[in-house]
């Protein structure tokens, strides 16, 4: 009788961690589509991190950005919902196309959407705004 629960527990441990996160499969697909569109339309590489950020949060986000391939053309959106923190980190090439003011405007729009309880919508909106800005 204990075989089924053990097998189920074993199967649960093999699932990717992403399935235990705050997003449904549909939400993950929406975010993935927005990321792919942003990458293909701009030539930059966008990434999203959702999870806890160590203090100071900006430095932690910068360390995450440093781990990305091709850092110069990368833009990272780091979000810690429980801490109510959002950081946008850009590499040198990405920074030339995404000035601080554009990132601040995208962050403002994202946090407004997050405040309404829509984490996925905020991420997608922010990616679209950054994409539009980087295209000029």
Foldseek 3Di string as FASTA:
>chain_A
DCPVVVVVVVVVVPDDCVPVDPDDPVLVVLLVVLQVCLCVLQVAHEEEAEADADPVRQVSQVVVLVPDPPSQRYWYWYHYVVVLDTDIDHHNNLCVQQPPVLLVVLVVQLSVVVVVVCNSVSSSSSSVSSSVSSVD
